[in-house]
PDB file of N, CA and C in Angstrom:
ATOM      1  N   MET A   1     -46.042 -64.221  -8.971  1.00  0.00           N
ATOM      2  CA  MET A   1     -46.399 -65.614  -8.843  1.00  0.00           C
ATOM      3  C   MET A   1     -45.149 -66.387  -8.428  1.00  0.00           C
ATOM      4  N   LYS A   2     -45.297 -67.270  -7.469  1.00  0.00           N
ATOM      5  CA  LYS A   2     -44.208 -68.152  -7.057  1.00  0.00           C
ATOM      6  C   LYS A   2     -44.279 -69.413  -7.910  1.00  0.00           C
ATOM      7  N   VAL A   3     -43.129 -69.816  -8.459  1.00  0.00           N
ATOM      8  CA  VAL A   3     -43.075 -70.990  -9.327  1.00  0.00           C
ATOM      9  C   VAL A   3     -41.883 -71.866  -8.967  1.00  0.00           C
ATOM     10  N   ASP A   4     -41.948 -73.106  -9.416  1.00  0.00           N
ATOM     11  CA  ASP A   4     -40.818 -74.013  -9.389  1.00  0.00           C
ATOM     12  C   ASP A   4     -40.368 -74.180 -10.832  1.00  0.00           C
ATOM     13  N   VAL A   5     -39.066 -74.187 -11.047  1.00  0.00           N
ATOM     14  CA  VAL A   5     -38.503 -74.223 -12.391  1.00  0.00           C
ATOM     15  C   VAL A   5     -37.732 -75.531 -12.580  1.00  0.00           C
ATOM     16  N   TYR A   6     -38.054 -76.225 -13.647  1.00  0.00           N
ATOM     17  CA  TYR A   6     -37.361 -77.453 -14.013  1.00  0.00           C
ATOM     18  C   TYR A   6     -36.598 -77.199 -15.311  1.00  0.00           C
ATOM     19  N   LYS A   7     -35.546 -77.978 -15.518  1.00  0.00           N
ATOM     20  CA  LYS A   7     -34.685 -77.809 -16.692  1.00  0.00           C
ATOM     21  C   LYS A   7     -34.386 -79.192 -17.256  1.00  0.00           C
ATOM     22  N   ARG A   8     -34.241 -79.269 -18.570  1.00  0.00           N
ATOM     23  CA  ARG A   8     -33.828 -80.535 -19.181  1.00  0.00           C
ATOM     24  C   ARG A   8     -32.910 -80.256 -20.359  1.00  0.00           C
ATOM     25  N   PRO A   9     -31.941 -81.139 -20.571  1.00  0.00           N
ATOM     26  CA  PRO A   9     -31.068 -80.985 -21.732  1.00  0.00           C
ATOM     27  C   PRO A   9     -31.780 -81.451 -22.995  1.00  0.00           C
ATOM     28  N   ASP A  10     -31.592 -80.696 -24.055  1.00  0.00           N
ATOM     29  CA  ASP A  10     -32.089 -81.077 -25.367  1.00  0.00           C
ATOM     30  C   ASP A  10     -30.870 -81.350 -26.243  1.00  0.00           C
ATOM     31  N   SER A  11     -31.053 -81.395 -27.520  1.00  0.00           N
ATOM     32  CA  SER A  11     -29.941 -81.655 -28.436  1.00  0.00           C
ATOM     33  C   SER A  11     -29.054 -80.422 -28.598  1.00  0.00           C
ATOM     34  N   ASP A  12     -27.870 -80.635 -29.090  1.00  0.00           N
ATOM     35  CA  ASP A  12     -26.929 -79.566 -29.436  1.00  0.00           C
ATOM     36  C   ASP A  12     -26.572 -78.660 -28.260  1.00  0.00           C
ATOM     37  N   GLY A  13     -26.576 -79.195 -27.036  1.00  0.00           N
ATOM     38  CA  GLY A  13     -26.197 -78.407 -25.871  1.00  0.00           C
ATOM     39  C   GLY A  13     -27.219 -77.371 -25.452  1.00  0.00           C
ATOM     40  N   LEU A  14     -28.441 -77.467 -25.963  1.00  0.00           N
ATOM     41  CA  LEU A  14     -29.499 -76.525 -25.608  1.00  0.00           C
ATOM     42  C   LEU A  14     -30.345 -77.081 -24.472  1.00  0.00           C
ATOM     43  N   PHE A  15     -30.990 -76.181 -23.729  1.00  0.00           N
ATOM     44  CA  PHE A  15     -31.829 -76.564 -22.599  1.00  0.00           C
ATOM     45  C   PHE A  15     -33.221 -75.961 -22.726  1.00  0.00           C
ATOM     46  N   SER A  16     -34.208 -76.691 -22.230  1.00  0.00           N
ATOM     47  CA  SER A  16     -35.577 -76.208 -22.135  1.00  0.00           C
ATOM     48  C   SER A  16     -35.924 -76.040 -20.666  1.00  0.00           C
ATOM     49  N   TYR A  17     -36.882 -75.156 -20.403  1.00  0.00           N
ATOM     50  CA  TYR A  17     -37.336 -74.907 -19.035  1.00  0.00           C
ATOM     51  C   TYR A  17     -38.826 -75.155 -18.935  1.00  0.00           C
ATOM     52  N   LEU A  18     -39.236 -75.649 -17.773  1.00  0.00           N
ATOM     53  CA  LEU A  18     -40.625 -75.912 -17.452  1.00  0.00           C
ATOM     54  C   LEU A  18     -40.924 -75.158 -16.162  1.00  0.00           C
ATOM     55  N   VAL A  19     -41.965 -74.347 -16.165  1.00  0.00           N
ATOM     56  CA  VAL A  19     -42.332 -73.535 -15.009  1.00  0.00           C
ATOM     57  C   VAL A  19     -43.713 -73.977 -14.540  1.00  0.00           C
ATOM     58  N   ILE A  20     -43.793 -74.295 -13.245  1.00  0.00           N
ATOM     59  CA  ILE A  20     -45.033 -74.771 -12.641  1.00  0.00           C
ATOM     60  C   ILE A  20     -45.299 -73.940 -11.393  1.00  0.00           C
ATOM     61  N   PRO A  21     -46.562 -73.560 -11.139  1.00  0.00           N
ATOM     62  CA  PRO A  21     -46.840 -72.855  -9.894  1.00  0.00           C
ATOM     63  C   PRO A  21     -46.243 -73.624  -8.708  1.00  0.00           C
ATOM     64  N   HIS A  22     -45.666 -72.893  -7.766  1.00  0.00           N
ATOM     65  CA  HIS A  22     -44.934 -73.471  -6.631  1.00  0.00           C
ATOM     66  C   HIS A  22     -45.734 -74.565  -5.926  1.00  0.00           C
ATOM     67  N   GLU A  23     -45.049 -75.662  -5.668  1.00  0.00           N
ATOM     68  CA  GLU A  23     -45.546 -76.828  -4.934  1.00  0.00           C
ATOM     69  C   GLU A  23     -46.616 -77.626  -5.676  1.00  0.00           C
ATOM     70  N   LYS A  24     -46.817 -77.351  -6.954  1.00  0.00           N
ATOM     71  CA  LYS A  24     -47.710 -78.185  -7.760  1.00  0.00           C
ATOM     72  C   LYS A  24     -46.882 -79.351  -8.306  1.00  0.00           C
ATOM     73  N   PRO A  25     -47.493 -80.524  -8.492  1.00  0.00           N
ATOM     74  CA  PRO A  25     -46.738 -81.661  -9.044  1.00  0.00           C
ATOM     75  C   PRO A  25     -46.473 -81.482 -10.535  1.00  0.00           C
ATOM     76  N   LEU A  26     -45.469 -82.200 -11.027  1.00  0.00           N
ATOM     77  CA  LEU A  26     -45.217 -82.218 -12.469  1.00  0.00           C
ATOM     78  C   LEU A  26     -46.454 -82.760 -13.175  1.00  0.00           C
ATOM     79  N   PRO A  27     -46.896 -82.115 -14.240  1.00  0.00           N
ATOM     80  CA  PRO A  27     -48.042 -82.628 -14.993  1.00  0.00           C
ATOM     81  C   PRO A  27     -47.732 -84.014 -15.568  1.00  0.00           C
ATOM     82  N   GLN A  28     -48.725 -84.857 -15.618  1.00  0.00           N
ATOM     83  CA  GLN A  28     -48.542 -86.229 -16.094  1.00  0.00           C
ATOM     84  C   GLN A  28     -47.924 -86.289 -17.490  1.00  0.00           C
ATOM     85  N   GLU A  29     -48.288 -85.346 -18.358  1.00  0.00           N
ATOM     86  CA  GLU A  29     -47.774 -85.402 -19.736  1.00  0.00           C
ATOM     87  C   GLU A  29     -46.288 -85.095 -19.856  1.00  0.00           C
ATOM     88  N   VAL A  30     -45.641 -84.619 -18.788  1.00  0.00           N
ATOM     89  CA  VAL A  30     -44.201 -84.341 -18.856  1.00  0.00           C
ATOM     90  C   VAL A  30     -43.384 -85.233 -17.928  1.00  0.00           C
ATOM     91  N   THR A  31     -44.011 -86.138 -17.212  1.00  0.00           N
ATOM     92  CA  THR A  31     -43.268 -86.954 -16.247  1.00  0.00           C
ATOM     93  C   THR A  31     -42.383 -88.013 -16.885  1.00  0.00           C
ATOM     94  N   ASN A  32     -42.554 -88.284 -18.158  1.00  0.00           N
ATOM     95  CA  ASN A  32     -41.731 -89.306 -18.813  1.00  0.00           C
ATOM     96  C   ASN A  32     -40.493 -88.708 -19.489  1.00  0.00           C
ATOM     97  N   THR A  33     -40.169 -87.460 -19.183  1.00  0.00           N
ATOM     98  CA  THR A  33     -38.970 -86.832 -19.746  1.00  0.00           C
ATOM     99  C   THR A  33     -37.972 -86.553 -18.632  1.00  0.00           C
ATOM    100  N   ASP A  34     -36.835 -85.996 -18.978  1.00  0.00           N
ATOM    101  CA  ASP A  34     -35.722 -85.838 -18.050  1.00  0.00           C
ATOM    102  C   ASP A  34     -35.701 -84.492 -17.332  1.00  0.00           C
ATOM    103  N   TRP A  35     -36.823 -84.025 -16.839  1.00  0.00           N
ATOM    104  CA  TRP A  35     -36.867 -82.747 -16.132  1.00  0.00           C
ATOM    105  C   TRP A  35     -36.172 -82.878 -14.787  1.00  0.00           C
ATOM    106  N   GLN A  36     -35.313 -81.920 -14.467  1.00  0.00           N
ATOM    107  CA  GLN A  36     -34.631 -81.881 -13.176  1.00  0.00           C
ATOM    108  C   GLN A  36     -34.921 -80.541 -12.526  1.00  0.00           C
ATOM    109  N   MET A  37     -35.071 -80.564 -11.202  1.00  0.00           N
ATOM    110  CA  MET A  37     -35.323 -79.320 -10.477  1.00  0.00           C
ATOM    111  C   MET A  37     -34.171 -78.348 -10.731  1.00  0.00           C
ATOM    112  N   HIS A  38     -34.512 -77.132 -11.099  1.00  0.00           N
ATOM    113  CA  HIS A  38     -33.516 -76.087 -11.340  1.00  0.00           C
ATOM    114  C   HIS A  38     -33.556 -75.057 -10.205  1.00  0.00           C
ATOM    115  N   GLU A  39     -34.752 -74.536  -9.897  1.00  0.00           N
ATOM    116  CA  GLU A  39     -34.928 -73.590  -8.801  1.00  0.00           C
ATOM    117  C   GLU A  39     -36.335 -73.737  -8.244  1.00  0.00           C
ATOM    118  N   GLN A  40     -36.474 -73.539  -6.931  1.00  0.00           N
ATOM    119  CA  GLN A  40     -37.785 -73.614  -6.295  1.00  0.00           C
ATOM    120  C   GLN A  40     -38.190 -72.274  -5.713  1.00  0.00           C
ATOM    121  N   ASP A  41     -39.486 -72.061  -5.634  1.00  0.00           N
ATOM    122  CA  ASP A  41     -40.061 -70.889  -4.978  1.00  0.00           C
ATOM    123  C   ASP A  41     -39.503 -69.583  -5.559  1.00  0.00           C
ATOM    124  N   VAL A  42     -39.515 -69.495  -6.882  1.00  0.00           N
ATOM    125  CA  VAL A  42     -38.973 -68.353  -7.614  1.00  0.00           C
ATOM    126  C   VAL A  42     -40.076 -67.332  -7.873  1.00  0.00           C
ATOM    127  N   ASN A  43     -39.768 -66.060  -7.735  1.00  0.00           N
ATOM    128  CA  ASN A  43     -40.706 -65.004  -8.122  1.00  0.00           C
ATOM    129  C   ASN A  43     -40.711 -64.895  -9.638  1.00  0.00           C
ATOM    130  N   PHE A  44     -41.849 -65.114 -10.242  1.00  0.00           N
ATOM    131  CA  PHE A  44     -42.004 -65.019 -11.695  1.00  0.00           C
ATOM    132  C   PHE A  44     -43.021 -63.920 -11.935  1.00  0.00           C
ATOM    133  N   GLU A  45     -42.554 -62.801 -12.414  1.00  0.00           N
ATOM    134  CA  GLU A  45     -43.390 -61.605 -12.511  1.00  0.00           C
ATOM    135  C   GLU A  45     -43.789 -61.289 -13.950  1.00  0.00           C
ATOM    136  N   ARG A  46     -44.896 -60.591 -14.082  1.00  0.00           N
ATOM    137  CA  ARG A  46     -45.343 -60.066 -15.382  1.00  0.00           C
ATOM    138  C   ARG A  46     -44.677 -58.717 -15.586  1.00  0.00           C
ATOM    139  N   ASP A  47     -43.402 -58.752 -15.880  1.00  0.00           N
ATOM    140  CA  ASP A  47     -42.637 -57.514 -15.970  1.00  0.00           C
ATOM    141  C   ASP A  47     -42.115 -57.250 -17.379  1.00  0.00           C
ATOM    142  N   GLY A  48     -42.564 -58.045 -18.342  1.00  0.00           N
ATOM    143  CA  GLY A  48     -42.134 -57.854 -19.717  1.00  0.00           C
ATOM    144  C   GLY A  48     -40.757 -58.428 -20.010  1.00  0.00           C
ATOM    145  N   LYS A  49     -40.110 -59.003 -18.993  1.00  0.00           N
ATOM    146  CA  LYS A  49     -38.771 -59.564 -19.171  1.00  0.00           C
ATOM    147  C   LYS A  49     -38.856 -61.046 -19.496  1.00  0.00           C
ATOM    148  N   ARG A  50     -37.721 -61.581 -19.871  1.00  0.00           N
ATOM    149  CA  ARG A  50     -37.591 -63.010 -20.143  1.00  0.00           C
ATOM    150  C   ARG A  50     -37.114 -63.693 -18.861  1.00  0.00           C
ATOM    151  N   HIS A  51     -37.784 -64.771 -18.504  1.00  0.00           N
ATOM    152  CA  HIS A  51     -37.412 -65.564 -17.337  1.00  0.00           C
ATOM    153  C   HIS A  51     -37.137 -66.993 -17.798  1.00  0.00           C
ATOM    154  N   PHE A  52     -35.927 -67.469 -17.601  1.00  0.00           N
ATOM    155  CA  PHE A  52     -35.587 -68.849 -17.963  1.00  0.00           C
ATOM    156  C   PHE A  52     -35.973 -69.149 -19.405  1.00  0.00           C
ATOM    157  N   THR A  53     -35.683 -68.288 -20.298  1.00  0.00           N
ATOM    158  CA  THR A  53     -35.984 -68.329 -21.740  1.00  0.00           C
ATOM    159  C   THR A  53     -37.458 -68.120 -22.049  1.00  0.00           C
ATOM    160  N   LEU A  54     -38.306 -67.935 -21.051  1.00  0.00           N
ATOM    161  CA  LEU A  54     -39.737 -67.751 -21.281  1.00  0.00           C
ATOM    162  C   LEU A  54     -40.109 -66.276 -21.224  1.00  0.00           C
ATOM    163  N   GLN A  55     -40.871 -65.814 -22.193  1.00  0.00           N
ATOM    164  CA  GLN A  55     -41.437 -64.475 -22.139  1.00  0.00           C
ATOM    165  C   GLN A  55     -42.538 -64.485 -21.085  1.00  0.00           C
ATOM    166  N   ALA A  56     -42.554 -63.513 -20.201  1.00  0.00           N
ATOM    167  CA  ALA A  56     -43.477 -63.506 -19.068  1.00  0.00           C
ATOM    168  C   ALA A  56     -44.938 -63.667 -19.491  1.00  0.00           C
ATOM    169  N   GLU A  57     -45.413 -62.868 -20.436  1.00  0.00           N
ATOM    170  CA  GLU A  57     -46.828 -62.936 -20.835  1.00  0.00           C
ATOM    171  C   GLU A  57     -47.175 -64.292 -21.450  1.00  0.00           C
ATOM    172  N   ASP A  58     -46.270 -64.828 -22.262  1.00  0.00           N
ATOM    173  CA  ASP A  58     -46.507 -66.142 -22.864  1.00  0.00           C
ATOM    174  C   ASP A  58     -46.570 -67.208 -21.779  1.00  0.00           C
ATOM    175  N   ALA A  59     -45.681 -67.131 -20.799  1.00  0.00           N
ATOM    176  CA  ALA A  59     -45.676 -68.110 -19.712  1.00  0.00           C
ATOM    177  C   ALA A  59     -46.974 -68.049 -18.914  1.00  0.00           C
ATOM    178  N   TYR A  60     -47.436 -66.848 -18.578  1.00  0.00           N
ATOM    179  CA  TYR A  60     -48.700 -66.716 -17.849  1.00  0.00           C
ATOM    180  C   TYR A  60     -49.854 -67.294 -18.665  1.00  0.00           C
ATOM    181  N   LYS A  61     -49.841 -67.068 -19.968  1.00  0.00           N
ATOM    182  CA  LYS A  61     -50.889 -67.617 -20.832  1.00  0.00           C
ATOM    183  C   LYS A  61     -50.848 -69.142 -20.824  1.00  0.00           C
ATOM    184  N   GLN A  62     -49.645 -69.716 -20.964  1.00  0.00           N
ATOM    185  CA  GLN A  62     -49.509 -71.175 -20.948  1.00  0.00           C
ATOM    186  C   GLN A  62     -49.977 -71.759 -19.615  1.00  0.00           C
ATOM    187  N   ILE A  63     -49.584 -71.123 -18.512  1.00  0.00           N
ATOM    188  CA  ILE A  63     -49.980 -71.611 -17.186  1.00  0.00           C
ATOM    189  C   ILE A  63     -51.498 -71.566 -17.047  1.00  0.00           C
ATOM    190  N   GLY A  64     -52.113 -70.499 -17.537  1.00  0.00           N
ATOM    191  CA  GLY A  64     -53.565 -70.400 -17.492  1.00  0.00           C
ATOM    192  C   GLY A  64     -54.269 -71.466 -18.314  1.00  0.00           C
ATOM    193  N   GLU A  65     -53.677 -71.838 -19.453  1.00  0.00           N
ATOM    194  CA  GLU A  65     -54.291 -72.818 -20.342  1.00  0.00           C
ATOM    195  C   GLU A  65     -54.046 -74.266 -19.927  1.00  0.00           C
ATOM    196  N   LYS A  66     -52.824 -74.573 -19.498  1.00  0.00           N
ATOM    197  CA  LYS A  66     -52.498 -75.973 -19.219  1.00  0.00           C
ATOM    198  C   LYS A  66     -51.878 -76.228 -17.854  1.00  0.00           C
ATOM    199  N   GLY A  67     -51.686 -75.184 -17.053  1.00  0.00           N
ATOM    200  CA  GLY A  67     -51.171 -75.368 -15.698  1.00  0.00           C
ATOM    201  C   GLY A  67     -49.664 -75.313 -15.578  1.00  0.00           C
ATOM    202  N   TYR A  68     -48.978 -75.156 -16.703  1.00  0.00           N
ATOM    203  CA  TYR A  68     -47.523 -75.037 -16.711  1.00  0.00           C
ATOM    204  C   TYR A  68     -47.102 -74.288 -17.960  1.00  0.00           C
ATOM    205  N   ALA A  69     -45.849 -73.833 -17.960  1.00  0.00           N
ATOM    206  CA  ALA A  69     -45.289 -73.175 -19.147  1.00  0.00           C
ATOM    207  C   ALA A  69     -43.996 -73.886 -19.513  1.00  0.00           C
ATOM    208  N   ILE A  70     -43.758 -73.987 -20.797  1.00  0.00           N
ATOM    209  CA  ILE A  70     -42.571 -74.684 -21.281  1.00  0.00           C
ATOM    210  C   ILE A  70     -41.921 -73.863 -22.391  1.00  0.00           C
ATOM    211  N   THR A  71     -40.611 -73.952 -22.464  1.00  0.00           N
ATOM    212  CA  THR A  71     -39.855 -73.240 -23.490  1.00  0.00           C
ATOM    213  C   THR A  71     -40.288 -73.676 -24.884  1.00  0.00           C
ATOM    214  N   HIS A  72     -40.463 -72.713 -25.779  1.00  0.00           N
ATOM    215  CA  HIS A  72     -40.727 -73.027 -27.184  1.00  0.00           C
ATOM    216  C   HIS A  72     -39.418 -73.503 -27.819  1.00  0.00           C
ATOM    217  N   ILE A  73     -39.508 -74.370 -28.788  1.00  0.00           N
ATOM    218  CA  ILE A  73     -38.319 -74.955 -29.411  1.00  0.00           C
ATOM    219  C   ILE A  73     -37.328 -73.895 -29.874  1.00  0.00           C
ATOM    220  N   ASN A  74     -37.812 -72.829 -30.482  1.00  0.00           N
ATOM    221  CA  ASN A  74     -36.904 -71.802 -31.001  1.00  0.00           C
ATOM    222  C   ASN A  74     -36.374 -70.855 -29.918  1.00  0.00           C
ATOM    223  N   GLU A  75     -36.765 -71.077 -28.658  1.00  0.00           N
ATOM    224  CA  GLU A  75     -36.292 -70.202 -27.565  1.00  0.00           C
ATOM    225  C   GLU A  75     -35.423 -70.953 -26.554  1.00  0.00           C
ATOM    226  N   ARG A  76     -34.982 -72.155 -26.900  1.00  0.00           N
ATOM    227  CA  ARG A  76     -34.106 -72.889 -25.999  1.00  0.00           C
ATOM    228  C   ARG A  76     -32.781 -72.141 -25.863  1.00  0.00           C
ATOM    229  N   ALA A  77     -32.036 -72.440 -24.795  1.00  0.00           N
ATOM    230  CA  ALA A  77     -30.796 -71.714 -24.527  1.00  0.00           C
ATOM    231  C   ALA A  77     -29.678 -72.668 -24.160  1.00  0.00           C
ATOM    232  N   ARG A  78     -28.466 -72.179 -24.305  1.00  0.00           N
ATOM    233  CA  ARG A  78     -27.305 -72.917 -23.824  1.00  0.00           C
ATOM    234  C   ARG A  78     -27.303 -72.896 -22.313  1.00  0.00           C
ATOM    235  N   ASP A  79     -26.650 -73.857 -21.696  1.00  0.00           N
ATOM    236  CA  ASP A  79     -26.571 -73.931 -20.238  1.00  0.00           C
ATOM    237  C   ASP A  79     -26.014 -72.637 -19.680  1.00  0.00           C
ATOM    238  N   GLY A  80     -26.697 -72.093 -18.679  1.00  0.00           N
ATOM    239  CA  GLY A  80     -26.254 -70.851 -18.062  1.00  0.00           C
ATOM    240  C   GLY A  80     -26.747 -69.606 -18.759  1.00  0.00           C
ATOM    241  N   ALA A  81     -27.450 -69.729 -19.875  1.00  0.00           N
ATOM    242  CA  ALA A  81     -27.919 -68.570 -20.635  1.00  0.00           C
ATOM    243  C   ALA A  81     -29.363 -68.253 -20.288  1.00  0.00           C
ATOM    244  N   THR A  82     -29.686 -68.163 -19.017  1.00  0.00           N
ATOM    245  CA  THR A  82     -31.056 -67.898 -18.606  1.00  0.00           C
ATOM    246  C   THR A  82     -31.336 -66.435 -18.493  1.00  0.00           C
TER     247      THR A  82
END
């Protein structure tokens, strides 16, 4: 699946990631936060690996349910720790 990846700073130097199918707009419920484009047109595969702090299967499930996937609070990462 091709996706666009957004990133935002959280507290304590941690970052969250938002993954949206490529070329889809930001969902209305997240447009009032500080999401910044991180990478575009990224291959996001169901390979059992972690992508941008997101577990692949969990991300696919989130995308299927709400159209996007977002980092869980306990899975945020320091900058550069993707």
